[in-house]
């Protein structure tokens, strides 16, 4: 991708986001330093939380952007009905999340913020995902082998559990990975004019 002299900064340590942005043939550096505290009011609609987190990470960047810099931040959350699932803090919490997702449909919402010195734009994408019924052996195997503690909802669709246990997806596969590449590409182009 011709960046027209712009320098892209990815404000995320996510291995998946690094991989997907690189797959768009975008050269970038990673800088995750920011002053944002990830919290939100209890009355905020859950579907708005990824947007608030993504914008907070962008606007809380640790320094002003230079004229030739573009910052990309993102946040992904898993929603099962009215419940919001973040990243599990333990094997027990991961197992509890996977048991809840077993045999059910859930939503994955990713918000992305692209910002330069003059403006920013935040956009979201949603995918509906269906898990087959998971047994305890499958849940234990996945957690022990893949240690999904850095993943919202305690799973990565690009790992074994996605191949073996996800029966259907409506929406972008890459959105479920945490970075809706088709939208990132189109929106980033508008910042390169």
Foldseek 3Di string as FASTA:
>chain_A
DDLQQAAEEEQDPDPLVVVLVVVVVDDYYYDNDFDADQDDDPPPQPLCSFVVVQVRSVVRHPDQADQRYKYKGKDKWKADPRDIFAFDPDLVRLLVLVQSQEQHKIKMKMKMWIDHNPDIDIDMWMKIWHWYHDDPVRSVVCCVPPVQRRATSNDALVDPCVVPTIDDMGTDSSVNNHDRSVVCVVVSVVVSD
